[in-house]
C-alpha cells in the first residue's frame, strides 16, 4: 500500500494556504510594474490606485464631506447663537477699552447708558450680518475649493508601501483568518480526496 496517499490532506492544506497567501501578496506587490516571464505584473492596489482614489473621492465628497452642508451648518441660527457670547464680550471690550484708548475725547462724553445702547445696536446688526457673511464666505469656498480633486490628490500622494503596511496592520486579524480558513478548507478537501482514493481501491 502506498502510504504517500495519506499526505493528500497535508498537500491540499498547503495548496489552500499558498493560494490565500498568493492572493494577499498580489493585492500589494509588486509595487511597480515588473516583467516576469515576459508578462508585466503589478499589485492590484498600486495598479488601480488612481481609479480607487477617484472613486473614493467621489463617494466621500458626496456622502461624507459636503461643503454645502457645512455652509448651511455654519450659517444656521444655532451656530450663530454659539458665537454670540464671544462677540458680545469683544464688542463690550471695544466700546469700553479700545474706544477710550483710540478716541479718549469721545469716550469722555459717553456714559454707561450710551455704551449699553451702542452695544445693543451693534449686536442687533451683527446678528443680522453674521448669517449673510458666513453664506457669502462659504459660497466663495464652494466655488474655489474642489473637494473631490483635493481628496483624490491626497490619496494619489500616499506611498503604496505605506498603504500596504497600514492595510496589513489594520486588517491583520481578518487576513490571518482568511489564510487559516483557506488552509482548513484545503485540508478538509484533501481528507475527502483521500477517502475517495481509499474507497476506490
N, C-alpha and C. Protein backbone atom coordinates (compact mmCIF):
# COMPACT_ATOMS: atom_id res chain seq x y z
N UNK A 1 0.86 -1.21 0.00
CA UNK A 1 0.00 0.00 0.00
C UNK A 1 0.89 1.25 0.00
N UNK A 2 0.51 2.20 -0.84
CA UNK A 2 1.29 3.43 -0.95
C UNK A 2 0.86 4.40 0.14
N UNK A 3 1.72 4.54 1.16
CA UNK A 3 1.37 5.40 2.29
C UNK A 3 1.45 6.88 1.94
N UNK A 4 1.99 7.22 0.78
CA UNK A 4 2.08 8.64 0.39
C UNK A 4 0.72 9.27 0.18
N UNK A 5 -0.29 8.42 -0.09
CA UNK A 5 -1.63 8.98 -0.30
C UNK A 5 -2.16 9.67 0.96
N UNK A 6 -1.63 9.28 2.12
CA UNK A 6 -2.08 9.89 3.37
C UNK A 6 -1.55 11.32 3.53
N UNK A 7 -0.66 11.69 2.62
CA UNK A 7 -0.16 13.06 2.63
C UNK A 7 -1.08 14.00 1.84
N UNK A 8 -2.10 13.43 1.19
CA UNK A 8 -3.01 14.24 0.36
C UNK A 8 -3.64 15.38 1.17
N UNK A 9 -4.17 15.14 2.38
CA UNK A 9 -4.76 16.26 3.15
C UNK A 9 -3.75 17.36 3.44
N UNK A 10 -2.49 16.95 3.77
CA UNK A 10 -1.46 17.95 4.05
C UNK A 10 -1.10 18.74 2.80
N UNK A 11 -1.03 18.02 1.67
CA UNK A 11 -0.71 18.69 0.41
C UNK A 11 -1.84 19.66 0.02
N UNK A 12 -3.10 19.22 0.21
CA UNK A 12 -4.25 20.08 -0.11
C UNK A 12 -4.29 21.29 0.82
N UNK A 13 -3.93 21.08 2.09
CA UNK A 13 -3.89 22.19 3.05
C UNK A 13 -2.82 23.19 2.63
N UNK A 14 -1.68 22.68 2.18
CA UNK A 14 -0.61 23.57 1.72
C UNK A 14 -1.07 24.38 0.51
N UNK A 15 -1.78 23.73 -0.41
CA UNK A 15 -2.30 24.45 -1.59
C UNK A 15 -3.26 25.55 -1.16
N UNK A 16 -4.15 25.24 -0.19
CA UNK A 16 -5.08 26.27 0.31
C UNK A 16 -4.35 27.43 0.93
N UNK A 17 -3.31 27.12 1.72
CA UNK A 17 -2.50 28.17 2.34
C UNK A 17 -1.78 29.00 1.28
N UNK A 18 -1.19 28.33 0.31
CA UNK A 18 -0.40 29.01 -0.71
C UNK A 18 -1.28 29.93 -1.57
N UNK A 19 -2.47 29.46 -1.93
CA UNK A 19 -3.36 30.27 -2.76
C UNK A 19 -3.80 31.53 -2.00
N UNK A 20 -4.20 31.39 -0.73
CA UNK A 20 -4.64 32.56 0.05
C UNK A 20 -3.47 33.52 0.28
N UNK A 21 -2.30 32.97 0.56
CA UNK A 21 -1.11 33.80 0.73
C UNK A 21 -0.80 34.55 -0.56
N UNK A 22 -0.93 33.87 -1.71
CA UNK A 22 -0.67 34.50 -3.00
C UNK A 22 -1.67 35.60 -3.32
N UNK A 23 -2.94 35.37 -2.97
CA UNK A 23 -3.98 36.39 -3.21
C UNK A 23 -3.65 37.67 -2.45
N UNK A 24 -3.25 37.52 -1.18
CA UNK A 24 -2.89 38.68 -0.37
C UNK A 24 -1.67 39.38 -0.94
N UNK A 25 -0.70 38.61 -1.39
CA UNK A 25 0.52 39.18 -1.95
C UNK A 25 0.23 40.02 -3.19
N UNK A 26 -0.60 39.47 -4.10
CA UNK A 26 -0.83 40.20 -5.37
C UNK A 26 -1.70 41.44 -5.16
N UNK A 27 -2.29 41.57 -3.97
CA UNK A 27 -3.02 42.81 -3.69
C UNK A 27 -2.06 44.00 -3.62
N UNK A 28 -0.84 43.75 -3.13
CA UNK A 28 0.09 44.83 -2.85
C UNK A 28 1.38 44.78 -3.67
N UNK A 29 1.78 43.63 -4.13
CA UNK A 29 3.08 43.50 -4.79
C UNK A 29 2.95 42.86 -6.16
N UNK A 30 3.87 43.23 -7.05
CA UNK A 30 4.91 44.25 -6.87
C UNK A 30 4.33 45.67 -6.92
N UNK A 31 5.02 46.58 -6.25
CA UNK A 31 4.56 47.98 -6.18
C UNK A 31 4.60 48.61 -7.57
N UNK A 32 5.70 48.41 -8.28
CA UNK A 32 5.85 48.97 -9.62
C UNK A 32 5.75 47.84 -10.65
N UNK A 33 5.31 48.17 -11.88
CA UNK A 33 5.23 47.13 -12.92
C UNK A 33 6.55 46.39 -13.08
N UNK A 34 6.49 45.08 -12.99
CA UNK A 34 7.69 44.25 -13.07
C UNK A 34 7.49 43.16 -14.12
N UNK A 35 8.49 43.00 -14.97
CA UNK A 35 8.41 41.98 -16.02
C UNK A 35 8.81 40.62 -15.44
N UNK A 36 7.88 39.66 -15.51
CA UNK A 36 8.14 38.29 -15.05
C UNK A 36 7.71 37.33 -16.15
N UNK A 37 8.69 36.60 -16.70
CA UNK A 37 8.43 35.64 -17.79
C UNK A 37 7.73 36.30 -18.97
N UNK A 38 8.13 37.53 -19.23
CA UNK A 38 7.56 38.25 -20.39
C UNK A 38 6.26 38.96 -20.10
N UNK A 39 5.74 38.82 -18.87
CA UNK A 39 4.48 39.47 -18.51
C UNK A 39 4.76 40.61 -17.53
N UNK A 40 4.04 41.72 -17.70
CA UNK A 40 4.18 42.82 -16.76
C UNK A 40 3.17 42.63 -15.62
N UNK A 41 3.70 42.51 -14.43
CA UNK A 41 2.86 42.29 -13.26
C UNK A 41 2.98 43.46 -12.29
N UNK A 42 1.86 43.77 -11.65
CA UNK A 42 1.84 44.82 -10.64
C UNK A 42 0.73 44.52 -9.66
N UNK A 43 0.96 44.86 -8.39
CA UNK A 43 -0.06 44.64 -7.37
C UNK A 43 -1.35 45.36 -7.72
N UNK A 44 -2.47 44.76 -7.32
CA UNK A 44 -3.79 45.31 -7.68
C UNK A 44 -3.97 46.72 -7.13
N UNK A 45 -3.68 46.92 -5.84
CA UNK A 45 -3.87 48.25 -5.25
C UNK A 45 -2.95 49.31 -5.86
N UNK A 46 -1.65 49.03 -6.05
CA UNK A 46 -0.80 50.03 -6.71
C UNK A 46 -1.24 50.31 -8.15
N UNK A 47 -1.65 49.26 -8.86
CA UNK A 47 -2.03 49.42 -10.26
C UNK A 47 -3.28 50.27 -10.41
N UNK A 48 -4.23 50.08 -9.51
CA UNK A 48 -5.50 50.79 -9.62
C UNK A 48 -5.65 51.89 -8.57
N UNK A 49 -4.51 52.40 -8.10
CA UNK A 49 -4.56 53.45 -7.08
C UNK A 49 -5.30 54.69 -7.56
N UNK A 50 -5.07 55.10 -8.79
CA UNK A 50 -5.74 56.29 -9.33
C UNK A 50 -7.25 56.06 -9.43
N UNK A 51 -7.64 54.88 -9.93
CA UNK A 51 -9.07 54.57 -10.05
C UNK A 51 -9.72 54.55 -8.67
N UNK A 52 -9.05 53.90 -7.70
CA UNK A 52 -9.58 53.84 -6.33
C UNK A 52 -9.68 55.24 -5.74
N UNK A 53 -8.65 56.06 -5.99
CA UNK A 53 -8.64 57.44 -5.46
C UNK A 53 -9.82 58.23 -6.01
N UNK A 54 -10.06 58.09 -7.31
CA UNK A 54 -11.16 58.82 -7.95
C UNK A 54 -12.51 58.40 -7.38
N UNK A 55 -12.70 57.08 -7.24
CA UNK A 55 -13.97 56.57 -6.72
C UNK A 55 -14.18 56.97 -5.27
N UNK A 56 -13.13 56.86 -4.45
CA UNK A 56 -13.25 57.25 -3.04
C UNK A 56 -13.52 58.74 -2.90
N UNK A 57 -12.84 59.54 -3.72
CA UNK A 57 -13.04 60.99 -3.67
C UNK A 57 -14.48 61.35 -4.00
N UNK A 58 -15.03 60.68 -4.99
CA UNK A 58 -16.43 60.94 -5.39
C UNK A 58 -17.38 60.57 -4.27
N UNK A 59 -17.17 59.39 -3.69
CA UNK A 59 -18.05 58.92 -2.61
C UNK A 59 -17.95 59.83 -1.39
N UNK A 60 -16.72 60.14 -0.99
CA UNK A 60 -16.52 60.96 0.22
C UNK A 60 -17.10 62.36 0.03
N UNK A 61 -16.86 62.95 -1.14
CA UNK A 61 -17.34 64.32 -1.37
C UNK A 61 -18.86 64.39 -1.43
N UNK A 62 -19.50 63.30 -1.87
CA UNK A 62 -20.97 63.31 -1.98
C UNK A 62 -21.66 62.84 -0.72
N UNK A 63 -21.09 61.81 -0.09
CA UNK A 63 -21.77 61.19 1.04
C UNK A 63 -21.24 61.61 2.39
N UNK A 64 -19.98 62.03 2.47
CA UNK A 64 -19.37 62.33 3.76
C UNK A 64 -19.10 63.82 3.94
N UNK A 65 -18.34 64.40 3.01
CA UNK A 65 -17.95 65.80 3.11
C UNK A 65 -18.71 66.63 2.08
N UNK A 66 -19.58 67.48 2.53
CA UNK A 66 -20.33 68.36 1.63
C UNK A 66 -20.16 69.79 2.11
N UNK A 67 -19.51 70.60 1.27
CA UNK A 67 -19.31 72.00 1.65
C UNK A 67 -20.64 72.74 1.78
N UNK A 68 -21.62 72.32 1.02
CA UNK A 68 -22.92 72.98 1.11
C UNK A 68 -23.57 72.68 2.47
N UNK A 69 -23.41 71.44 2.92
CA UNK A 69 -23.93 71.10 4.25
C UNK A 69 -23.20 71.87 5.33
N UNK A 70 -21.87 71.96 5.16
CA UNK A 70 -21.06 72.71 6.13
C UNK A 70 -21.46 74.18 6.13
N UNK A 71 -21.69 74.71 4.93
CA UNK A 71 -22.10 76.11 4.80
C UNK A 71 -23.42 76.36 5.52
N UNK A 72 -24.38 75.45 5.31
CA UNK A 72 -25.69 75.60 5.96
C UNK A 72 -25.56 75.51 7.47
N UNK A 73 -24.67 74.61 7.92
CA UNK A 73 -24.49 74.44 9.36
C UNK A 73 -23.85 75.67 9.98
N UNK A 74 -22.84 76.20 9.32
CA UNK A 74 -22.12 77.37 9.85
C UNK A 74 -23.04 78.58 9.96
N UNK A 75 -23.88 78.76 8.95
CA UNK A 75 -24.73 79.95 8.91
C UNK A 75 -26.09 79.75 9.58
N UNK A 76 -26.30 78.60 10.20
CA UNK A 76 -27.58 78.33 10.86
C UNK A 76 -27.72 79.17 12.13
N UNK A 77 -28.93 79.47 12.54
CA UNK A 77 -29.14 80.28 13.76
C UNK A 77 -28.49 79.66 14.99
N UNK A 78 -28.53 78.33 15.10
CA UNK A 78 -27.96 77.67 16.27
C UNK A 78 -26.45 77.89 16.34
N UNK A 79 -25.78 77.86 15.17
CA UNK A 79 -24.33 78.10 15.15
C UNK A 79 -24.00 79.54 15.48
N UNK A 80 -24.81 80.46 14.96
CA UNK A 80 -24.59 81.89 15.24
C UNK A 80 -24.76 82.17 16.73
N UNK A 81 -25.76 81.52 17.34
CA UNK A 81 -26.01 81.73 18.77
C UNK A 81 -24.82 81.33 19.62
N UNK A 82 -24.07 80.32 19.16
CA UNK A 82 -22.92 79.83 19.93
C UNK A 82 -21.77 80.84 19.97
N UNK A 83 -21.67 81.66 18.92
CA UNK A 83 -20.56 82.62 18.89
C UNK A 83 -20.95 84.00 19.41
N UNK A 84 -22.25 84.20 19.64
CA UNK A 84 -22.73 85.50 20.12
C UNK A 84 -22.08 85.91 21.45
N UNK A 85 -21.98 85.02 22.44
CA UNK A 85 -21.34 85.43 23.71
C UNK A 85 -19.90 85.92 23.50
N UNK A 86 -19.16 85.24 22.62
CA UNK A 86 -17.78 85.65 22.33
C UNK A 86 -17.76 87.03 21.68
N UNK A 87 -18.66 87.25 20.71
CA UNK A 87 -18.74 88.54 20.01
C UNK A 87 -19.19 89.63 20.99
N UNK A 88 -20.14 89.29 21.83
CA UNK A 88 -20.65 90.25 22.83
C UNK A 88 -19.52 90.73 23.73
N UNK A 89 -18.68 89.81 24.15
CA UNK A 89 -17.54 90.15 25.00
C UNK A 89 -16.56 91.07 24.27
N UNK A 90 -16.29 90.78 22.99
CA UNK A 90 -15.34 91.58 22.22
C UNK A 90 -15.89 92.99 21.95
N UNK A 91 -17.18 93.08 21.66
CA UNK A 91 -17.80 94.39 21.41
C UNK A 91 -17.76 95.22 22.69
N UNK A 92 -18.06 94.60 23.81
CA UNK A 92 -18.03 95.30 25.09
C UNK A 92 -16.62 95.82 25.40
N UNK A 93 -15.63 94.99 25.13
CA UNK A 93 -14.23 95.38 25.37
C UNK A 93 -13.83 96.53 24.44
N UNK A 94 -14.32 96.46 23.20
CA UNK A 94 -14.00 97.53 22.24
C UNK A 94 -14.58 98.86 22.69
N UNK A 95 -15.85 98.85 23.08
CA UNK A 95 -16.52 100.10 23.44
C UNK A 95 -15.96 100.69 24.74
N UNK A 96 -15.61 99.83 25.68
CA UNK A 96 -15.20 100.34 26.99
C UNK A 96 -13.69 100.57 27.11
N UNK A 97 -12.89 99.81 26.34
CA UNK A 97 -11.44 99.90 26.47
C UNK A 97 -10.78 100.48 25.22
N UNK A 98 -10.99 99.83 24.09
CA UNK A 98 -10.32 100.23 22.85
C UNK A 98 -10.74 101.64 22.42
N UNK A 99 -12.04 101.91 22.51
CA UNK A 99 -12.54 103.23 22.10
C UNK A 99 -11.94 104.32 22.96
N UNK A 100 -11.82 104.05 24.25
CA UNK A 100 -11.24 105.03 25.17
C UNK A 100 -9.77 105.26 24.87
N UNK A 101 -9.08 104.21 24.42
CA UNK A 101 -7.67 104.35 24.09
C UNK A 101 -7.47 105.11 22.78
N UNK A 102 -8.28 104.82 21.78
CA UNK A 102 -8.11 105.41 20.46
C UNK A 102 -8.73 106.80 20.37
N UNK A 103 -9.86 106.99 21.04
CA UNK A 103 -10.58 108.28 20.95
C UNK A 103 -10.98 108.73 22.37
N UNK A 104 -10.01 109.14 23.18
CA UNK A 104 -10.31 109.50 24.58
C UNK A 104 -11.30 110.65 24.74
N UNK A 105 -11.31 111.58 23.81
CA UNK A 105 -12.21 112.73 23.90
C UNK A 105 -13.67 112.28 23.79
N UNK A 106 -13.91 111.37 22.84
CA UNK A 106 -15.30 110.91 22.65
C UNK A 106 -15.74 110.08 23.84
N UNK A 107 -14.85 109.22 24.32
CA UNK A 107 -15.22 108.35 25.43
C UNK A 107 -15.56 109.13 26.70
N UNK A 108 -15.02 110.35 26.80
CA UNK A 108 -15.31 111.18 27.97
C UNK A 108 -16.77 111.59 28.02
N UNK A 109 -17.43 111.70 26.86
CA UNK A 109 -18.82 112.17 26.80
C UNK A 109 -19.82 111.02 26.66
N UNK A 110 -19.30 109.79 26.71
CA UNK A 110 -20.19 108.63 26.57
C UNK A 110 -20.25 107.91 27.91
N UNK A 111 -21.47 107.85 28.46
CA UNK A 111 -21.66 107.16 29.74
C UNK A 111 -22.00 105.70 29.55
N UNK A 112 -22.23 105.03 30.65
CA UNK A 112 -22.55 103.61 30.61
C UNK A 112 -23.86 103.34 29.87
N UNK A 113 -24.83 104.23 30.05
CA UNK A 113 -26.13 104.04 29.39
C UNK A 113 -25.97 104.11 27.87
N UNK A 114 -25.19 105.09 27.40
CA UNK A 114 -24.96 105.23 25.96
C UNK A 114 -24.18 104.04 25.42
N UNK A 115 -23.18 103.59 26.17
CA UNK A 115 -22.40 102.41 25.76
C UNK A 115 -23.29 101.18 25.64
N UNK A 116 -24.22 101.05 26.58
CA UNK A 116 -25.13 99.91 26.55
C UNK A 116 -26.03 99.98 25.32
N UNK A 117 -26.48 101.19 24.98
CA UNK A 117 -27.32 101.34 23.78
C UNK A 117 -26.53 101.04 22.51
N UNK A 118 -25.29 101.57 22.46
CA UNK A 118 -24.44 101.30 21.29
C UNK A 118 -24.18 99.80 21.13
N UNK A 119 -23.91 99.17 22.24
CA UNK A 119 -23.64 97.74 22.22
C UNK A 119 -24.87 96.96 21.74
N UNK A 120 -26.04 97.38 22.21
CA UNK A 120 -27.29 96.71 21.80
C UNK A 120 -27.49 96.84 20.28
N UNK A 121 -27.24 98.03 19.76
CA UNK A 121 -27.40 98.28 18.32
C UNK A 121 -26.40 97.45 17.52
N UNK A 122 -25.14 97.44 17.98
CA UNK A 122 -24.10 96.66 17.30
C UNK A 122 -24.46 95.18 17.25
N UNK A 123 -24.87 94.64 18.40
CA UNK A 123 -25.18 93.21 18.48
C UNK A 123 -26.39 92.87 17.62
N UNK A 124 -27.34 93.77 17.58
CA UNK A 124 -28.54 93.54 16.77
C UNK A 124 -28.17 93.47 15.29
N UNK A 125 -27.30 94.37 14.85
CA UNK A 125 -26.87 94.39 13.45
C UNK A 125 -25.98 93.19 13.12
N UNK A 126 -25.12 92.85 14.07
CA UNK A 126 -24.21 91.72 13.84
C UNK A 126 -24.97 90.40 13.70
N UNK A 127 -26.03 90.24 14.46
CA UNK A 127 -26.82 89.01 14.37
C UNK A 127 -27.50 88.88 13.00
N UNK A 128 -27.77 90.02 12.37
CA UNK A 128 -28.33 90.01 11.02
C UNK A 128 -27.21 89.80 9.99
N UNK A 129 -26.06 90.42 10.27
CA UNK A 129 -24.94 90.39 9.32
C UNK A 129 -24.24 89.03 9.28
N UNK A 130 -24.08 88.38 10.45
CA UNK A 130 -23.31 87.14 10.52
C UNK A 130 -23.78 86.04 9.55
N UNK A 131 -25.08 85.70 9.52
CA UNK A 131 -25.51 84.66 8.58
C UNK A 131 -25.20 85.00 7.12
N UNK A 132 -25.41 86.26 6.75
CA UNK A 132 -25.13 86.69 5.37
C UNK A 132 -23.62 86.61 5.09
N UNK A 133 -22.82 87.03 6.08
CA UNK A 133 -21.36 86.99 5.93
C UNK A 133 -20.87 85.56 5.78
N UNK A 134 -21.38 84.65 6.61
CA UNK A 134 -20.97 83.25 6.55
C UNK A 134 -21.37 82.61 5.22
N UNK A 135 -22.57 82.90 4.77
CA UNK A 135 -23.03 82.35 3.49
C UNK A 135 -22.18 82.85 2.34
N UNK A 136 -21.86 84.14 2.38
CA UNK A 136 -21.03 84.73 1.33
C UNK A 136 -19.64 84.10 1.32
N UNK A 137 -19.07 83.94 2.50
CA UNK A 137 -17.73 83.37 2.61
C UNK A 137 -17.70 81.91 2.16
N UNK A 138 -18.65 81.11 2.64
CA UNK A 138 -18.67 79.68 2.30
C UNK A 138 -19.04 79.47 0.83
N UNK A 139 -19.84 80.37 0.27
CA UNK A 139 -20.17 80.26 -1.15
C UNK A 139 -18.91 80.44 -1.99
N UNK A 140 -18.06 81.36 -1.57
CA UNK A 140 -16.79 81.54 -2.26
C UNK A 140 -15.91 80.32 -2.14
N UNK A 141 -15.92 79.68 -0.97
CA UNK A 141 -15.14 78.46 -0.77
C UNK A 141 -15.63 77.35 -1.68
N UNK A 142 -16.95 77.20 -1.79
CA UNK A 142 -17.52 76.15 -2.63
C UNK A 142 -17.10 76.34 -4.08
N UNK A 143 -17.08 77.61 -4.52
CA UNK A 143 -16.72 77.91 -5.91
C UNK A 143 -15.24 77.62 -6.19
N UNK A 144 -14.39 77.85 -5.18
CA UNK A 144 -12.95 77.72 -5.38
C UNK A 144 -12.38 76.37 -4.94
N UNK A 145 -13.03 75.73 -3.99
CA UNK A 145 -12.47 74.54 -3.36
C UNK A 145 -13.16 73.29 -3.89
N UNK A 146 -12.44 72.51 -4.69
CA UNK A 146 -12.99 71.28 -5.24
C UNK A 146 -12.62 70.11 -4.32
N UNK A 147 -13.59 69.66 -3.55
CA UNK A 147 -13.33 68.61 -2.56
C UNK A 147 -12.84 67.33 -3.21
N UNK A 148 -13.47 66.95 -4.32
CA UNK A 148 -13.09 65.70 -4.99
C UNK A 148 -11.63 65.73 -5.43
N UNK A 149 -11.22 66.83 -6.03
CA UNK A 149 -9.84 66.94 -6.51
C UNK A 149 -8.85 66.88 -5.35
N UNK A 150 -9.17 67.56 -4.26
CA UNK A 150 -8.28 67.57 -3.10
C UNK A 150 -8.12 66.17 -2.52
N UNK A 151 -9.24 65.46 -2.33
CA UNK A 151 -9.20 64.11 -1.77
C UNK A 151 -8.45 63.16 -2.69
N UNK A 152 -8.75 63.25 -3.99
CA UNK A 152 -8.08 62.39 -4.96
C UNK A 152 -6.57 62.62 -4.95
N UNK A 153 -6.16 63.88 -4.91
CA UNK A 153 -4.74 64.20 -4.89
C UNK A 153 -4.07 63.66 -3.64
N UNK A 154 -4.75 63.80 -2.50
CA UNK A 154 -4.19 63.30 -1.24
C UNK A 154 -3.98 61.79 -1.30
N UNK A 155 -4.96 61.08 -1.84
CA UNK A 155 -4.86 59.61 -1.91
C UNK A 155 -3.75 59.21 -2.88
N UNK A 156 -3.66 59.90 -4.01
CA UNK A 156 -2.63 59.56 -5.00
C UNK A 156 -1.23 59.84 -4.47
N UNK A 157 -1.10 60.77 -3.55
CA UNK A 157 0.20 61.11 -2.99
C UNK A 157 0.66 60.16 -1.89
N UNK A 158 -0.24 59.27 -1.47
CA UNK A 158 0.14 58.29 -0.44
C UNK A 158 1.06 57.24 -1.06
N UNK A 159 2.15 56.97 -0.39
CA UNK A 159 3.10 55.96 -0.85
C UNK A 159 2.45 54.58 -0.80
N UNK A 160 2.46 53.83 -1.92
CA UNK A 160 1.85 52.49 -1.94
C UNK A 160 2.40 51.57 -0.85
N UNK A 161 3.67 51.73 -0.51
CA UNK A 161 4.26 50.92 0.56
C UNK A 161 3.56 51.21 1.88
N UNK A 162 3.30 52.50 2.15
CA UNK A 162 2.61 52.89 3.37
C UNK A 162 1.18 52.35 3.37
N UNK A 163 0.54 52.38 2.20
CA UNK A 163 -0.82 51.85 2.08
C UNK A 163 -0.82 50.37 2.45
N UNK A 164 0.12 49.61 1.90
CA UNK A 164 0.20 48.18 2.16
C UNK A 164 0.45 47.91 3.64
N UNK A 165 1.37 48.65 4.24
CA UNK A 165 1.70 48.45 5.65
C UNK A 165 0.51 48.78 6.55
N UNK A 166 -0.17 49.88 6.23
CA UNK A 166 -1.33 50.29 7.02
C UNK A 166 -2.46 49.28 6.89
N UNK A 167 -2.70 48.85 5.65
CA UNK A 167 -3.76 47.88 5.39
C UNK A 167 -3.50 46.58 6.15
N UNK A 168 -2.27 46.10 6.08
CA UNK A 168 -1.91 44.85 6.77
C UNK A 168 -2.03 45.00 8.28
N UNK A 169 -1.67 46.18 8.78
CA UNK A 169 -1.76 46.42 10.21
C UNK A 169 -3.22 46.46 10.67
N UNK A 170 -4.06 47.16 9.92
CA UNK A 170 -5.47 47.31 10.30
C UNK A 170 -6.24 46.01 10.14
N UNK A 171 -5.90 45.25 9.09
CA UNK A 171 -6.66 44.04 8.79
C UNK A 171 -5.84 42.77 9.03
N UNK A 172 -4.92 42.84 9.99
CA UNK A 172 -4.06 41.69 10.28
C UNK A 172 -4.89 40.47 10.67
N UNK A 173 -5.85 40.66 11.57
CA UNK A 173 -6.66 39.53 12.04
C UNK A 173 -7.51 38.93 10.92
N UNK A 174 -8.28 39.74 10.14
CA UNK A 174 -9.05 39.16 9.03
C UNK A 174 -8.17 38.46 8.00
N UNK A 175 -7.00 39.01 7.70
CA UNK A 175 -6.11 38.39 6.72
C UNK A 175 -5.59 37.06 7.23
N UNK A 176 -5.22 37.02 8.50
CA UNK A 176 -4.75 35.76 9.09
C UNK A 176 -5.87 34.72 9.13
N UNK A 177 -7.08 35.18 9.46
CA UNK A 177 -8.23 34.26 9.47
C UNK A 177 -8.52 33.73 8.07
N UNK A 178 -8.34 34.59 7.07
CA UNK A 178 -8.55 34.16 5.68
C UNK A 178 -7.56 33.05 5.31
N UNK A 179 -6.31 33.23 5.70
CA UNK A 179 -5.29 32.22 5.41
C UNK A 179 -5.59 30.92 6.15
N UNK A 180 -5.95 31.04 7.43
CA UNK A 180 -6.25 29.85 8.23
C UNK A 180 -7.47 29.11 7.67
N UNK A 181 -8.50 29.86 7.30
CA UNK A 181 -9.71 29.25 6.75
C UNK A 181 -9.42 28.54 5.44
N UNK A 182 -8.64 29.18 4.58
CA UNK A 182 -8.27 28.56 3.30
C UNK A 182 -7.47 27.28 3.52
N UNK A 183 -6.56 27.32 4.49
CA UNK A 183 -5.76 26.14 4.82
C UNK A 183 -6.65 25.01 5.34
N UNK A 184 -7.61 25.36 6.21
CA UNK A 184 -8.53 24.36 6.76
C UNK A 184 -9.39 23.74 5.68
N UNK A 185 -9.93 24.60 4.78
CA UNK A 185 -10.75 24.07 3.69
C UNK A 185 -9.93 23.15 2.79
N UNK A 186 -8.69 23.57 2.55
CA UNK A 186 -7.81 22.72 1.75
C UNK A 186 -7.61 21.37 2.41
N UNK A 187 -7.40 21.37 3.72
CA UNK A 187 -7.21 20.12 4.45
C UNK A 187 -8.46 19.24 4.38
N UNK A 188 -9.65 19.85 4.57
CA UNK A 188 -10.91 19.10 4.52
C UNK A 188 -11.11 18.47 3.14
N UNK A 189 -10.84 19.27 2.10
CA UNK A 189 -10.95 18.74 0.73
C UNK A 189 -9.98 17.58 0.53
N UNK A 190 -8.78 17.74 1.09
CA UNK A 190 -7.78 16.67 0.99
C UNK A 190 -8.25 15.40 1.67
N UNK A 191 -8.92 15.53 2.82
CA UNK A 191 -9.45 14.36 3.53
C UNK A 191 -10.49 13.65 2.67
N UNK A 192 -11.37 14.43 2.05
CA UNK A 192 -12.38 13.83 1.17
C UNK A 192 -11.72 13.12 -0.02
N UNK A 193 -10.70 13.74 -0.57
CA UNK A 193 -9.98 13.12 -1.69
C UNK A 193 -9.33 11.81 -1.25
N UNK A 194 -8.75 11.84 -0.04
CA UNK A 194 -8.12 10.63 0.49
C UNK A 194 -9.15 9.51 0.66
N UNK A 195 -10.32 9.87 1.20
CA UNK A 195 -11.38 8.87 1.38
C UNK A 195 -11.83 8.29 0.04
N UNK A 196 -11.94 9.16 -0.96
CA UNK A 196 -12.35 8.68 -2.29
C UNK A 196 -11.31 7.73 -2.88
N UNK A 197 -10.04 8.06 -2.66
CA UNK A 197 -8.96 7.19 -3.17
C UNK A 197 -9.01 5.82 -2.47
N UNK A 198 -9.21 5.84 -1.15
CA UNK A 198 -9.25 4.59 -0.38
C UNK A 198 -10.46 3.75 -0.79
N UNK A 199 -11.62 4.42 -0.96
CA UNK A 199 -12.85 3.68 -1.32
C UNK A 199 -12.76 3.16 -2.76
N UNK A 200 -12.02 3.86 -3.60
CA UNK A 200 -11.92 3.43 -5.00
C UNK A 200 -11.03 2.21 -5.16
N UNK A 201 -10.27 1.88 -4.14
CA UNK A 201 -9.35 0.73 -4.24
C UNK A 201 -10.11 -0.58 -4.05
